[in-house]
Amino acid sequence: MTARSTLFASPRFLPRVMWADAASCAGTGALQVAFTDTLARLTGLPAALLLGTGVFLLAYAAAAAFMASRATPPRTLIGVVMLGNLGWAVACAALLAGGLFPVTALGVAWVLAQAVCVLVLAELQWSGLRASRPVARMALA
Protein backbone atom coordinates (compact mmCIF):
# COMPACT_ATOMS: atom_id res chain seq x y z
CA MET A 1 0.00 0.00 0.00
CA THR A 2 1.44 3.40 -0.95
CA ALA A 3 1.53 6.40 1.36
CA ARG A 4 -1.10 8.07 -0.83
CA SER A 5 -3.52 5.17 -0.63
CA THR A 6 -2.90 4.90 3.11
CA LEU A 7 -3.83 8.58 3.48
CA PHE A 8 -7.05 8.15 1.50
CA ALA A 9 -7.95 4.96 3.40
CA SER A 10 -7.51 6.63 6.80
CA PRO A 11 -10.75 6.55 8.80
CA ARG A 12 -10.44 10.33 9.31
CA PHE A 13 -9.85 11.20 5.64
CA LEU A 14 -13.47 11.38 4.44
CA PRO A 15 -14.69 13.26 7.53
CA ARG A 16 -11.91 15.81 7.06
CA VAL A 17 -12.82 16.26 3.39
CA MET A 18 -16.46 16.73 4.39
CA TRP A 19 -15.43 19.33 7.00
CA ALA A 20 -13.51 21.16 4.26
CA ASP A 21 -16.55 20.95 1.98
CA ALA A 22 -18.79 22.27 4.77
CA ALA A 23 -16.41 25.13 5.55
CA SER A 24 -16.01 26.21 1.92
CA CYS A 25 -19.77 26.15 1.38
CA ALA A 26 -20.49 27.97 4.64
CA GLY A 27 -17.99 30.69 3.76
CA THR A 28 -19.19 31.14 0.19
CA GLY A 29 -22.84 30.94 1.18
CA ALA A 30 -22.41 33.46 4.00
CA LEU A 31 -20.65 35.91 1.68
CA GLN A 32 -23.34 35.56 -0.97
CA VAL A 33 -26.16 36.06 1.53
CA ALA A 34 -24.54 38.89 3.50
CA PHE A 35 -23.24 40.80 0.49
CA THR A 36 -25.72 39.88 -2.23
CA ASP A 37 -26.11 43.33 -3.77
CA THR A 38 -22.41 44.20 -3.58
CA LEU A 39 -21.42 40.89 -5.13
CA ALA A 40 -24.06 41.30 -7.84
CA ARG A 41 -22.58 44.68 -8.75
CA LEU A 42 -19.00 43.45 -8.67
CA THR A 43 -19.54 40.14 -10.47
CA GLY A 44 -22.32 40.90 -12.93
CA LEU A 45 -24.26 37.92 -11.59
CA PRO A 46 -27.95 38.37 -10.73
CA ALA A 47 -28.66 39.12 -7.07
CA ALA A 48 -31.39 36.47 -7.03
CA LEU A 49 -28.94 33.83 -8.23
CA LEU A 50 -26.35 34.82 -5.64
CA LEU A 51 -28.91 34.89 -2.82
CA GLY A 52 -30.57 31.62 -3.84
CA THR A 53 -27.32 29.72 -4.22
CA GLY A 54 -26.01 31.32 -1.03
CA VAL A 55 -28.96 30.02 0.99
CA PHE A 56 -28.56 26.61 -0.65
CA LEU A 57 -24.85 26.55 0.23
CA LEU A 58 -25.58 27.34 3.87
CA ALA A 59 -28.07 24.46 4.09
CA TYR A 60 -25.64 22.20 2.27
CA ALA A 61 -22.85 23.19 4.66
CA ALA A 62 -24.98 22.06 7.59
CA ALA A 63 -25.62 18.69 5.89
CA ALA A 64 -21.93 18.25 5.07
CA ALA A 65 -20.99 19.08 8.67
CA PHE A 66 -23.49 16.46 9.87
CA MET A 67 -21.87 13.86 7.59
CA ALA A 68 -18.40 14.88 8.76
CA SER A 69 -19.38 14.51 12.41
CA ARG A 70 -20.51 10.88 12.14
CA ALA A 71 -18.31 8.19 13.67
CA THR A 72 -18.80 6.18 10.49
CA PRO A 73 -18.94 8.30 7.33
CA PRO A 74 -22.21 7.79 5.42
CA ARG A 75 -20.64 6.46 2.21
CA THR A 76 -23.78 6.62 0.09
CA LEU A 77 -24.46 10.23 1.04
CA ILE A 78 -20.83 11.19 0.42
CA GLY A 79 -21.17 9.59 -3.02
CA VAL A 80 -24.23 11.73 -3.69
CA VAL A 81 -22.30 14.80 -2.49
CA MET A 82 -19.44 13.92 -4.83
CA LEU A 83 -21.84 13.77 -7.77
CA GLY A 84 -23.42 17.05 -6.62
CA ASN A 85 -19.99 18.69 -6.57
CA LEU A 86 -19.40 17.52 -10.14
CA GLY A 87 -22.81 18.92 -11.08
CA TRP A 88 -21.97 22.25 -9.45
CA ALA A 89 -18.79 22.48 -11.53
CA VAL A 90 -20.74 21.71 -14.72
CA ALA A 91 -23.32 24.36 -13.76
CA CYS A 92 -20.52 26.89 -13.21
CA ALA A 93 -19.10 26.15 -16.66
CA ALA A 94 -22.56 26.37 -18.24
CA LEU A 95 -23.24 29.67 -16.51
CA LEU A 96 -20.07 31.18 -17.93
CA ALA A 97 -20.40 29.59 -21.37
CA GLY A 98 -24.08 30.51 -21.70
CA GLY A 99 -23.43 34.24 -21.85
CA LEU A 100 -26.81 35.03 -20.29
CA PHE A 101 -25.37 37.52 -17.81
CA PRO A 102 -22.87 40.36 -18.18
CA VAL A 103 -20.34 38.62 -15.94
CA THR A 104 -17.33 40.77 -15.05
CA ALA A 105 -13.75 39.52 -14.74
CA LEU A 106 -14.31 39.27 -10.98
CA GLY A 107 -17.49 37.31 -11.67
CA VAL A 108 -15.60 34.87 -13.88
CA ALA A 109 -13.01 34.46 -11.12
CA TRP A 110 -15.76 33.95 -8.49
CA VAL A 111 -17.47 31.25 -10.54
CA LEU A 112 -14.23 29.54 -11.62
CA ALA A 113 -12.97 29.48 -8.02
CA GLN A 114 -16.13 27.64 -7.01
CA ALA A 115 -15.79 25.21 -9.90
CA VAL A 116 -12.16 24.41 -9.09
CA CYS A 117 -12.94 24.03 -5.38
CA VAL A 118 -15.79 21.58 -5.92
CA LEU A 119 -13.78 19.59 -8.49
CA VAL A 120 -10.95 19.18 -5.99
CA LEU A 121 -13.42 18.18 -3.27
CA ALA A 122 -15.13 15.69 -5.61
CA GLU A 123 -11.78 14.12 -6.46
CA LEU A 124 -10.86 13.85 -2.78
CA GLN A 125 -14.27 12.37 -1.96
CA TRP A 126 -13.94 9.84 -4.80
CA SER A 127 -10.42 8.89 -3.74
CA GLY A 128 -11.49 8.50 -0.11
CA LEU A 129 -14.51 6.40 -1.03
CA ARG A 130 -12.47 4.12 -3.28
CA ALA A 131 -9.60 3.68 -0.83
CA SER A 132 -11.85 3.01 2.15
CA ARG A 133 -14.44 0.77 0.52
CA PRO A 134 -15.28 -2.29 2.55
CA VAL A 135 -13.53 -5.42 1.43
CA ALA A 136 -15.99 -7.97 0.08
CA ARG A 137 -15.88 -11.11 2.15
CA MET A 138 -16.30 -14.40 0.41
CA ALA A 139 -18.52 -16.87 2.15
CA LEU A 140 -16.93 -20.19 2.88
CA ALA A 141 -18.83 -23.08 1.37
C-alpha atoms as a PDB file:
ATOM      1  CA  MET A   1       0.000   0.000   0.000  1.00  0.00           C
ATOM      2  CA  THR A   2       1.437   3.396  -0.950  1.00  0.00           C
ATOM      3  CA  ALA A   3       1.535   6.404   1.359  1.00  0.00           C
ATOM      4  CA  ARG A   4      -1.098   8.071  -0.832  1.00  0.00           C
ATOM      5  CA  SER A   5      -3.524   5.166  -0.634  1.00  0.00           C
ATOM      6  CA  THR A   6      -2.901   4.902   3.108  1.00  0.00           C
ATOM      7  CA  LEU A   7      -3.827   8.577   3.476  1.00  0.00           C
ATOM      8  CA  PHE A   8      -7.054   8.150   1.497  1.00  0.00           C
ATOM      9  CA  ALA A   9      -7.952   4.965   3.404  1.00  0.00           C
ATOM     10  CA  SER A  10      -7.511   6.631   6.799  1.00  0.00           C
ATOM     11  CA  PRO A  11     -10.754   6.554   8.804  1.00  0.00           C
ATOM     12  CA  ARG A  12     -10.437  10.332   9.311  1.00  0.00           C
ATOM     13  CA  PHE A  13      -9.853  11.205   5.639  1.00  0.00           C
ATOM     14  CA  LEU A  14     -13.474  11.378   4.444  1.00  0.00           C
ATOM     15  CA  PRO A  15     -14.695  13.258   7.534  1.00  0.00           C
ATOM     16  CA  ARG A  16     -11.905  15.814   7.056  1.00  0.00           C
ATOM     17  CA  VAL A  17     -12.819  16.258   3.391  1.00  0.00           C
ATOM     18  CA  MET A  18     -16.462  16.726   4.390  1.00  0.00           C
ATOM     19  CA  TRP A  19     -15.430  19.330   6.999  1.00  0.00           C
ATOM     20  CA  ALA A  20     -13.510  21.159   4.257  1.00  0.00           C
ATOM     21  CA  ASP A  21     -16.555  20.947   1.985  1.00  0.00           C
ATOM     22  CA  ALA A  22     -18.788  22.270   4.771  1.00  0.00           C
ATOM     23  CA  ALA A  23     -16.410  25.130   5.551  1.00  0.00           C
ATOM     24  CA  SER A  24     -16.010  26.215   1.922  1.00  0.00           C
ATOM     25  CA  CYS A  25     -19.771  26.154   1.383  1.00  0.00           C
ATOM     26  CA  ALA A  26     -20.487  27.971   4.642  1.00  0.00           C
ATOM     27  CA  GLY A  27     -17.987  30.688   3.759  1.00  0.00           C
ATOM     28  CA  THR A  28     -19.190  31.140   0.194  1.00  0.00           C
ATOM     29  CA  GLY A  29     -22.843  30.943   1.185  1.00  0.00           C
ATOM     30  CA  ALA A  30     -22.410  33.457   4.004  1.00  0.00           C
ATOM     31  CA  LEU A  31     -20.651  35.912   1.680  1.00  0.00           C
ATOM     32  CA  GLN A  32     -23.336  35.560  -0.968  1.00  0.00           C
ATOM     33  CA  VAL A  33     -26.161  36.056   1.526  1.00  0.00           C
ATOM     34  CA  ALA A  34     -24.544  38.886   3.500  1.00  0.00           C
ATOM     35  CA  PHE A  35     -23.238  40.803   0.491  1.00  0.00           C
ATOM     36  CA  THR A  36     -25.716  39.880  -2.229  1.00  0.00           C
ATOM     37  CA  ASP A  37     -26.106  43.334  -3.765  1.00  0.00           C
ATOM     38  CA  THR A  38     -22.413  44.201  -3.576  1.00  0.00           C
ATOM     39  CA  LEU A  39     -21.419  40.886  -5.133  1.00  0.00           C
ATOM     40  CA  ALA A  40     -24.055  41.301  -7.837  1.00  0.00           C
ATOM     41  CA  ARG A  41     -22.577  44.681  -8.752  1.00  0.00           C
ATOM     42  CA  LEU A  42     -18.997  43.449  -8.673  1.00  0.00           C
ATOM     43  CA  THR A  43     -19.543  40.138 -10.466  1.00  0.00           C
ATOM     44  CA  GLY A  44     -22.320  40.902 -12.933  1.00  0.00           C
ATOM     45  CA  LEU A  45     -24.261  37.920 -11.590  1.00  0.00           C
ATOM     46  CA  PRO A  46     -27.949  38.373 -10.726  1.00  0.00           C
ATOM     47  CA  ALA A  47     -28.660  39.122  -7.071  1.00  0.00           C
ATOM     48  CA  ALA A  48     -31.394  36.467  -7.029  1.00  0.00           C
ATOM     49  CA  LEU A  49     -28.938  33.825  -8.235  1.00  0.00           C
ATOM     50  CA  LEU A  50     -26.354  34.820  -5.640  1.00  0.00           C
ATOM     51  CA  LEU A  51     -28.910  34.890  -2.821  1.00  0.00           C
ATOM     52  CA  GLY A  52     -30.569  31.622  -3.840  1.00  0.00           C
ATOM     53  CA  THR A  53     -27.323  29.716  -4.216  1.00  0.00           C
ATOM     54  CA  GLY A  54     -26.009  31.324  -1.026  1.00  0.00           C
ATOM     55  CA  VAL A  55     -28.960  30.020   0.990  1.00  0.00           C
ATOM     56  CA  PHE A  56     -28.563  26.613  -0.647  1.00  0.00           C
ATOM     57  CA  LEU A  57     -24.851  26.554   0.230  1.00  0.00           C
ATOM     58  CA  LEU A  58     -25.577  27.343   3.874  1.00  0.00           C
ATOM     59  CA  ALA A  59     -28.071  24.465   4.089  1.00  0.00           C
ATOM     60  CA  TYR A  60     -25.641  22.197   2.270  1.00  0.00           C
ATOM     61  CA  ALA A  61     -22.846  23.187   4.661  1.00  0.00           C
ATOM     62  CA  ALA A  62     -24.983  22.056   7.590  1.00  0.00           C
ATOM     63  CA  ALA A  63     -25.620  18.694   5.891  1.00  0.00           C
ATOM     64  CA  ALA A  64     -21.928  18.249   5.067  1.00  0.00           C
ATOM     65  CA  ALA A  65     -20.988  19.079   8.673  1.00  0.00           C
ATOM     66  CA  PHE A  66     -23.487  16.465   9.866  1.00  0.00           C
ATOM     67  CA  MET A  67     -21.869  13.864   7.591  1.00  0.00           C
ATOM     68  CA  ALA A  68     -18.404  14.881   8.762  1.00  0.00           C
ATOM     69  CA  SER A  69     -19.377  14.506  12.409  1.00  0.00           C
ATOM     70  CA  ARG A  70     -20.509  10.875  12.142  1.00  0.00           C
ATOM     71  CA  ALA A  71     -18.305   8.188  13.668  1.00  0.00           C
ATOM     72  CA  THR A  72     -18.804   6.177  10.487  1.00  0.00           C
ATOM     73  CA  PRO A  73     -18.940   8.298   7.328  1.00  0.00           C
ATOM     74  CA  PRO A  74     -22.212   7.787   5.420  1.00  0.00           C
ATOM     75  CA  ARG A  75     -20.636   6.464   2.210  1.00  0.00           C
ATOM     76  CA  THR A  76     -23.780   6.619   0.086  1.00  0.00           C
ATOM     77  CA  LEU A  77     -24.458  10.231   1.043  1.00  0.00           C
ATOM     78  CA  ILE A  78     -20.832  11.185   0.422  1.00  0.00           C
ATOM     79  CA  GLY A  79     -21.166   9.589  -3.021  1.00  0.00           C
ATOM     80  CA  VAL A  80     -24.228  11.731  -3.691  1.00  0.00           C
ATOM     81  CA  VAL A  81     -22.304  14.803  -2.494  1.00  0.00           C
ATOM     82  CA  MET A  82     -19.439  13.919  -4.828  1.00  0.00           C
ATOM     83  CA  LEU A  83     -21.844  13.771  -7.773  1.00  0.00           C
ATOM     84  CA  GLY A  84     -23.415  17.049  -6.618  1.00  0.00           C
ATOM     85  CA  ASN A  85     -19.988  18.685  -6.570  1.00  0.00           C
ATOM     86  CA  LEU A  86     -19.396  17.523 -10.139  1.00  0.00           C
ATOM     87  CA  GLY A  87     -22.809  18.916 -11.078  1.00  0.00           C
ATOM     88  CA  TRP A  88     -21.971  22.253  -9.450  1.00  0.00           C
ATOM     89  CA  ALA A  89     -18.787  22.477 -11.530  1.00  0.00           C
ATOM     90  CA  VAL A  90     -20.738  21.715 -14.721  1.00  0.00           C
ATOM     91  CA  ALA A  91     -23.316  24.360 -13.763  1.00  0.00           C
ATOM     92  CA  CYS A  92     -20.521  26.895 -13.211  1.00  0.00           C
ATOM     93  CA  ALA A  93     -19.103  26.153 -16.661  1.00  0.00           C
ATOM     94  CA  ALA A  94     -22.559  26.368 -18.236  1.00  0.00           C
ATOM     95  CA  LEU A  95     -23.240  29.673 -16.510  1.00  0.00           C
ATOM     96  CA  LEU A  96     -20.067  31.182 -17.930  1.00  0.00           C
ATOM     97  CA  ALA A  97     -20.398  29.589 -21.371  1.00  0.00           C
ATOM     98  CA  GLY A  98     -24.078  30.512 -21.702  1.00  0.00           C
ATOM     99  CA  GLY A  99     -23.431  34.236 -21.845  1.00  0.00           C
ATOM    100  CA  LEU A 100     -26.808  35.033 -20.293  1.00  0.00           C
ATOM    101  CA  PHE A 101     -25.373  37.520 -17.814  1.00  0.00           C
ATOM    102  CA  PRO A 102     -22.872  40.362 -18.181  1.00  0.00           C
ATOM    103  CA  VAL A 103     -20.336  38.616 -15.940  1.00  0.00           C
ATOM    104  CA  THR A 104     -17.331  40.766 -15.051  1.00  0.00           C
ATOM    105  CA  ALA A 105     -13.750  39.525 -14.735  1.00  0.00           C
ATOM    106  CA  LEU A 106     -14.305  39.272 -10.982  1.00  0.00           C
ATOM    107  CA  GLY A 107     -17.487  37.312 -11.666  1.00  0.00           C
ATOM    108  CA  VAL A 108     -15.600  34.868 -13.876  1.00  0.00           C
ATOM    109  CA  ALA A 109     -13.013  34.456 -11.123  1.00  0.00           C
ATOM    110  CA  TRP A 110     -15.761  33.947  -8.494  1.00  0.00           C
ATOM    111  CA  VAL A 111     -17.471  31.251 -10.545  1.00  0.00           C
ATOM    112  CA  LEU A 112     -14.230  29.540 -11.624  1.00  0.00           C
ATOM    113  CA  ALA A 113     -12.965  29.483  -8.024  1.00  0.00           C
ATOM    114  CA  GLN A 114     -16.127  27.638  -7.006  1.00  0.00           C
ATOM    115  CA  ALA A 115     -15.786  25.205  -9.905  1.00  0.00           C
ATOM    116  CA  VAL A 116     -12.159  24.413  -9.089  1.00  0.00           C
ATOM    117  CA  CYS A 117     -12.939  24.034  -5.381  1.00  0.00           C
ATOM    118  CA  VAL A 118     -15.789  21.576  -5.923  1.00  0.00           C
ATOM    119  CA  LEU A 119     -13.783  19.592  -8.489  1.00  0.00           C
ATOM    120  CA  VAL A 120     -10.948  19.177  -5.991  1.00  0.00           C
ATOM    121  CA  LEU A 121     -13.418  18.182  -3.274  1.00  0.00           C
ATOM    122  CA  ALA A 122     -15.133  15.689  -5.609  1.00  0.00           C
ATOM    123  CA  GLU A 123     -11.778  14.119  -6.463  1.00  0.00           C
ATOM    124  CA  LEU A 124     -10.865  13.846  -2.778  1.00  0.00           C
ATOM    125  CA  GLN A 125     -14.272  12.371  -1.962  1.00  0.00           C
ATOM    126  CA  TRP A 126     -13.944   9.842  -4.801  1.00  0.00           C
ATOM    127  CA  SER A 127     -10.417   8.892  -3.737  1.00  0.00           C
ATOM    128  CA  GLY A 128     -11.488   8.504  -0.112  1.00  0.00           C
ATOM    129  CA  LEU A 129     -14.511   6.404  -1.027  1.00  0.00           C
ATOM    130  CA  ARG A 130     -12.468   4.123  -3.276  1.00  0.00           C
ATOM    131  CA  ALA A 131      -9.605   3.678  -0.832  1.00  0.00           C
ATOM    132  CA  SER A 132     -11.847   3.010   2.154  1.00  0.00           C
ATOM    133  CA  ARG A 133     -14.436   0.766   0.523  1.00  0.00           C
ATOM    134  CA  PRO A 134     -15.279  -2.292   2.549  1.00  0.00           C
ATOM    135  CA  VAL A 135     -13.528  -5.425   1.434  1.00  0.00           C
ATOM    136  CA  ALA A 136     -15.990  -7.969   0.082  1.00  0.00           C
ATOM    137  CA  ARG A 137     -15.878 -11.112   2.148  1.00  0.00           C
ATOM    138  CA  MET A 138     -16.299 -14.397   0.410  1.00  0.00           C
ATOM    139  CA  ALA A 139     -18.522 -16.869   2.153  1.00  0.00           C
ATOM    140  CA  LEU A 140     -16.934 -20.190   2.883  1.00  0.00           C
ATOM    141  CA  ALA A 141     -18.831 -23.075   1.369  1.00  0.00           C
END
